[in-house]
Amino acid sequence: MRNRRGGFQTGYLDARVILFTDQMIDHSANKTKNLAAVELGRRGGQARAKALTAKERKAIAMKASRAAAKKRTAEAKAKKKTKGT
């Protein structure tokens, strides 16, 4: 599907590809998981979030933000370096 500028809508195409590939994957291996353990795993993140203070959550978010910025910078430098040669 095309957007107003004539390019493709990436989100639309990505969703179609994911749906298509998901239908091709055999999910029978996932039936061996312990459902109680899966439920506990889902609740683990919520329990951790409740246990953290606002300062701790902020520190975690700042650390993640710095790591993401560092990665973007490194990728931009590598891209610039490859264009220059």
Foldseek 3Di string as FASTA:
>chain_A
DADPVGHDDVVVVVVVVVVVVVVVDDCPVVVPDDPVVVVVVVCVVVVVVVPDDPVRVVVVVVVVVVVVVVVVVVVVVVVVVVVVD
